[in-house]
């Protein structure tokens, strides 16, 4: 067996490790690390895209927009240098009436009516808050709840 009571003589051994400067990763090292982590990057992106689709599917759109271009048929010239004066078309009255109805139903006209008659505060026209607790929590998280 070993005898630990004996004294060991000699000089202590000193180990010196060479100082290594912190290496800056080069482009190859960065590319290798990204390639190794690519499944996690792709999986994270797909998970966030699926979550966005689910959230957008739950939310109902508040606003929609459309555009209509109206052409007045009374002064419509088919040929640039038309010698004869054009007679009004038989259905031009219907087209003019339809154009006027579209103007009345336009967003600019209707917005002025809503502001003037305060329809945005009328209970018959304003949609109430959702009773769904998930939607209420989600709106609170996103900060879209109206102030109390």
C-alpha atoms as a PDB file:
ATOM      1  CA  UNK A   1       0.000   0.000   0.000  1.00  0.00           C
ATOM      2  CA  UNK A   2       0.856   3.644  -0.185  1.00  0.00           C
ATOM      3  CA  UNK A   3       2.527   5.370   2.635  1.00  0.00           C
ATOM      4  CA  UNK A   4       1.265   8.915   2.810  1.00  0.00           C
ATOM      5  CA  UNK A   5       3.356   9.860   5.767  1.00  0.00           C
ATOM      6  CA  UNK A   6       6.578  10.135   3.794  1.00  0.00           C
ATOM      7  CA  UNK A   7       7.673  13.529   2.749  1.00  0.00           C
ATOM      8  CA  UNK A   8       8.111  14.338  -0.902  1.00  0.00           C
ATOM      9  CA  UNK A   9      10.982  16.586  -1.734  1.00  0.00           C
ATOM     10  CA  UNK A  10      11.630  18.561  -4.847  1.00  0.00           C
ATOM     11  CA  UNK A  11      10.491  21.670  -6.524  1.00  0.00           C
ATOM     12  CA  UNK A  12       6.792  22.229  -7.170  1.00  0.00           C
ATOM     13  CA  UNK A  13       5.700  21.850 -10.721  1.00  0.00           C
ATOM     14  CA  UNK A  14       4.414  25.020 -12.272  1.00  0.00           C
ATOM     15  CA  UNK A  15       2.138  24.734 -15.297  1.00  0.00           C
ATOM     16  CA  UNK A  16       1.931  27.680 -17.606  1.00  0.00           C
ATOM     17  CA  UNK A  17      -0.747  27.763 -20.254  1.00  0.00           C
ATOM     18  CA  UNK A  18      -0.222  29.954 -23.280  1.00  0.00           C
ATOM     19  CA  UNK A  19      -2.491  32.976 -23.415  1.00  0.00           C
ATOM     20  CA  UNK A  20      -4.944  32.700 -26.232  1.00  0.00           C
ATOM     21  CA  UNK A  21      -6.591  35.858 -27.546  1.00  0.00           C
ATOM     22  CA  UNK A  22     -10.356  35.541 -28.022  1.00  0.00           C
ATOM     23  CA  UNK A  23     -10.832  34.588 -31.632  1.00  0.00           C
ATOM     24  CA  UNK A  24     -13.266  36.589 -33.727  1.00  0.00           C
ATOM     25  CA  UNK A  25     -15.533  34.282 -35.664  1.00  0.00           C
ATOM     26  CA  UNK A  26     -15.050  34.450 -39.387  1.00  0.00           C
ATOM     27  CA  UNK A  27     -17.759  34.129 -42.027  1.00  0.00           C
ATOM     28  CA  UNK A  28     -17.259  30.386 -42.350  1.00  0.00           C
ATOM     29  CA  UNK A  29     -17.772  29.833 -38.615  1.00  0.00           C
ATOM     30  CA  UNK A  30     -20.897  31.996 -38.589  1.00  0.00           C
ATOM     31  CA  UNK A  31     -22.305  30.172 -41.631  1.00  0.00           C
ATOM     32  CA  UNK A  32     -21.597  26.781 -40.015  1.00  0.00           C
ATOM     33  CA  UNK A  33     -23.347  27.791 -36.785  1.00  0.00           C
ATOM     34  CA  UNK A  34     -26.344  29.135 -38.722  1.00  0.00           C
ATOM     35  CA  UNK A  35     -26.520  25.929 -40.777  1.00  0.00           C
ATOM     36  CA  UNK A  36     -26.423  23.848 -37.596  1.00  0.00           C
ATOM     37  CA  UNK A  37     -29.230  25.946 -36.077  1.00  0.00           C
ATOM     38  CA  UNK A  38     -31.290  26.202 -39.269  1.00  0.00           C
ATOM     39  CA  UNK A  39     -33.958  23.672 -38.166  1.00  0.00           C
ATOM     40  CA  UNK A  40     -34.687  25.810 -35.111  1.00  0.00           C
ATOM     41  CA  UNK A  41     -34.769  28.999 -37.192  1.00  0.00           C
ATOM     42  CA  UNK A  42     -37.139  27.481 -39.755  1.00  0.00           C
ATOM     43  CA  UNK A  43     -39.335  25.890 -37.078  1.00  0.00           C
ATOM     44  CA  UNK A  44     -39.554  29.197 -35.198  1.00  0.00           C
ATOM     45  CA  UNK A  45     -40.514  31.081 -38.363  1.00  0.00           C
ATOM     46  CA  UNK A  46     -43.186  28.526 -39.283  1.00  0.00           C
ATOM     47  CA  UNK A  47     -44.568  28.584 -35.747  1.00  0.00           C
ATOM     48  CA  UNK A  48     -44.846  32.386 -35.756  1.00  0.00           C
ATOM     49  CA  UNK A  49     -46.480  32.368 -39.212  1.00  0.00           C
ATOM     50  CA  UNK A  50     -49.034  29.781 -38.037  1.00  0.00           C
ATOM     51  CA  UNK A  51     -49.719  31.822 -34.902  1.00  0.00           C
ATOM     52  CA  UNK A  52     -50.251  34.962 -37.007  1.00  0.00           C
ATOM     53  CA  UNK A  53     -52.700  33.116 -39.278  1.00  0.00           C
ATOM     54  CA  UNK A  54     -54.655  31.851 -36.252  1.00  0.00           C
ATOM     55  CA  UNK A  55     -54.816  35.293 -34.630  1.00  0.00           C
ATOM     56  CA  UNK A  56     -55.835  36.982 -37.890  1.00  0.00           C
ATOM     57  CA  UNK A  57     -58.505  34.323 -38.357  1.00  0.00           C
ATOM     58  CA  UNK A  58     -59.975  35.109 -34.939  1.00  0.00           C
ATOM     59  CA  UNK A  59     -60.095  38.858 -35.445  1.00  0.00           C
ATOM     60  CA  UNK A  60     -62.916  40.354 -37.426  1.00  0.00           C
ATOM     61  CA  UNK A  61     -61.994  43.158 -39.814  1.00  0.00           C
ATOM     62  CA  UNK A  62     -63.101  46.566 -38.584  1.00  0.00           C
ATOM     63  CA  UNK A  63     -62.485  48.477 -41.772  1.00  0.00           C
ATOM     64  CA  UNK A  64     -62.618  47.640 -45.436  1.00  0.00           C
ATOM     65  CA  UNK A  65     -61.876  49.844 -48.377  1.00  0.00           C
ATOM     66  CA  UNK A  66     -62.810  49.982 -52.031  1.00  0.00           C
ATOM     67  CA  UNK A  67     -62.461  52.368 -54.906  1.00  0.00           C
ATOM     68  CA  UNK A  68     -64.783  53.221 -57.761  1.00  0.00           C
ATOM     69  CA  UNK A  69     -63.982  55.325 -60.799  1.00  0.00           C
ATOM     70  CA  UNK A  70     -66.985  57.080 -62.314  1.00  0.00           C
ATOM     71  CA  UNK A  71     -66.978  58.333 -65.893  1.00  0.00           C
ATOM     72  CA  UNK A  72     -69.565  60.903 -66.922  1.00  0.00           C
ATOM     73  CA  UNK A  73     -71.069  59.560 -70.175  1.00  0.00           C
ATOM     74  CA  UNK A  74     -72.571  62.862 -71.347  1.00  0.00           C
ATOM     75  CA  UNK A  75     -69.353  64.305 -72.752  1.00  0.00           C
ATOM     76  CA  UNK A  76     -67.755  61.062 -73.831  1.00  0.00           C
ATOM     77  CA  UNK A  77     -66.022  61.508 -77.166  1.00  0.00           C
ATOM     78  CA  UNK A  78     -65.176  58.339 -79.047  1.00  0.00           C
ATOM     79  CA  UNK A  79     -63.185  60.004 -81.822  1.00  0.00           C
ATOM     80  CA  UNK A  80     -60.881  62.930 -81.062  1.00  0.00           C
ATOM     81  CA  UNK A  81     -61.753  65.028 -84.144  1.00  0.00           C
ATOM     82  CA  UNK A  82     -65.469  64.299 -84.272  1.00  0.00           C
ATOM     83  CA  UNK A  83     -67.186  66.650 -86.732  1.00  0.00           C
ATOM     84  CA  UNK A  84     -70.771  65.844 -85.809  1.00  0.00           C
ATOM     85  CA  UNK A  85     -72.243  66.807 -82.495  1.00  0.00           C
ATOM     86  CA  UNK A  86     -73.031  63.751 -80.466  1.00  0.00           C
ATOM     87  CA  UNK A  87     -76.575  62.982 -79.558  1.00  0.00           C
ATOM     88  CA  UNK A  88     -77.021  61.820 -75.981  1.00  0.00           C
ATOM     89  CA  UNK A  89     -77.262  58.086 -75.619  1.00  0.00           C
ATOM     90  CA  UNK A  90     -80.569  56.515 -74.699  1.00  0.00           C
ATOM     91  CA  UNK A  91     -79.284  55.094 -71.416  1.00  0.00           C
ATOM     92  CA  UNK A  92     -77.196  58.113 -70.397  1.00  0.00           C
ATOM     93  CA  UNK A  93     -79.887  59.222 -67.918  1.00  0.00           C
ATOM     94  CA  UNK A  94     -79.598  55.905 -66.091  1.00  0.00           C
ATOM     95  CA  UNK A  95     -75.808  56.223 -66.041  1.00  0.00           C
ATOM     96  CA  UNK A  96     -75.977  59.754 -64.651  1.00  0.00           C
ATOM     97  CA  UNK A  97     -78.440  58.707 -61.938  1.00  0.00           C
ATOM     98  CA  UNK A  98     -76.278  55.741 -61.012  1.00  0.00           C
ATOM     99  CA  UNK A  99     -73.205  57.984 -60.822  1.00  0.00           C
ATOM    100  CA  UNK A 100     -75.017  60.383 -58.508  1.00  0.00           C
ATOM    101  CA  UNK A 101     -76.089  57.502 -56.247  1.00  0.00           C
ATOM    102  CA  UNK A 102     -72.479  56.311 -56.084  1.00  0.00           C
ATOM    103  CA  UNK A 103     -71.325  59.810 -55.120  1.00  0.00           C
ATOM    104  CA  UNK A 104     -73.910  59.993 -52.326  1.00  0.00           C
ATOM    105  CA  UNK A 105     -72.792  56.581 -51.045  1.00  0.00           C
ATOM    106  CA  UNK A 106     -69.117  57.527 -51.165  1.00  0.00           C
ATOM    107  CA  UNK A 107     -66.992  57.484 -48.065  1.00  0.00           C
ATOM    108  CA  UNK A 108     -66.352  61.234 -48.023  1.00  0.00           C
ATOM    109  CA  UNK A 109     -70.044  62.105 -48.033  1.00  0.00           C
ATOM    110  CA  UNK A 110     -71.001  59.446 -45.503  1.00  0.00           C
ATOM    111  CA  UNK A 111     -68.172  60.415 -43.124  1.00  0.00           C
ATOM    112  CA  UNK A 112     -69.469  63.994 -43.003  1.00  0.00           C
ATOM    113  CA  UNK A 113     -72.975  62.734 -42.213  1.00  0.00           C
ATOM    114  CA  UNK A 114     -71.653  60.520 -39.411  1.00  0.00           C
ATOM    115  CA  UNK A 115     -69.717  63.412 -37.893  1.00  0.00           C
ATOM    116  CA  UNK A 116     -72.566  65.897 -38.210  1.00  0.00           C
ATOM    117  CA  UNK A 117     -75.247  63.603 -36.739  1.00  0.00           C
ATOM    118  CA  UNK A 118     -72.859  61.981 -34.182  1.00  0.00           C
ATOM    119  CA  UNK A 119     -73.728  58.506 -35.437  1.00  0.00           C
ATOM    120  CA  UNK A 120     -70.467  57.166 -34.038  1.00  0.00           C
ATOM    121  CA  UNK A 121     -71.983  57.571 -30.549  1.00  0.00           C
ATOM    122  CA  UNK A 122     -75.422  56.189 -31.420  1.00  0.00           C
ATOM    123  CA  UNK A 123     -76.095  52.739 -29.931  1.00  0.00           C
ATOM    124  CA  UNK A 124     -77.967  51.627 -33.048  1.00  0.00           C
ATOM    125  CA  UNK A 125     -74.886  52.092 -35.246  1.00  0.00           C
ATOM    126  CA  UNK A 126     -71.957  51.265 -32.946  1.00  0.00           C
ATOM    127  CA  UNK A 127     -71.018  47.631 -32.434  1.00  0.00           C
ATOM    128  CA  UNK A 128     -70.644  46.677 -28.768  1.00  0.00           C
ATOM    129  CA  UNK A 129     -67.594  45.071 -27.214  1.00  0.00           C
ATOM    130  CA  UNK A 130     -67.063  41.363 -27.709  1.00  0.00           C
ATOM    131  CA  UNK A 131     -68.150  39.093 -24.869  1.00  0.00           C
ATOM    132  CA  UNK A 132     -65.469  36.545 -25.743  1.00  0.00           C
ATOM    133  CA  UNK A 133     -62.946  36.497 -22.834  1.00  0.00           C
ATOM    134  CA  UNK A 134     -60.119  35.341 -25.128  1.00  0.00           C
ATOM    135  CA  UNK A 135     -60.641  38.304 -27.451  1.00  0.00           C
ATOM    136  CA  UNK A 136     -60.901  40.675 -24.465  1.00  0.00           C
ATOM    137  CA  UNK A 137     -57.604  39.344 -23.073  1.00  0.00           C
ATOM    138  CA  UNK A 138     -55.942  39.514 -26.500  1.00  0.00           C
ATOM    139  CA  UNK A 139     -57.083  43.119 -27.037  1.00  0.00           C
ATOM    140  CA  UNK A 140     -55.757  43.980 -23.559  1.00  0.00           C
ATOM    141  CA  UNK A 141     -52.390  42.429 -24.347  1.00  0.00           C
ATOM    142  CA  UNK A 142     -52.164  44.315 -27.639  1.00  0.00           C
ATOM    143  CA  UNK A 143     -53.307  47.567 -25.983  1.00  0.00           C
ATOM    144  CA  UNK A 144     -56.361  48.136 -28.153  1.00  0.00           C
ATOM    145  CA  UNK A 145     -58.935  48.331 -25.356  1.00  0.00           C
ATOM    146  CA  UNK A 146     -60.659  51.715 -25.118  1.00  0.00           C
ATOM    147  CA  UNK A 147     -59.846  53.772 -22.010  1.00  0.00           C
ATOM    148  CA  UNK A 148     -62.360  53.550 -19.167  1.00  0.00           C
END
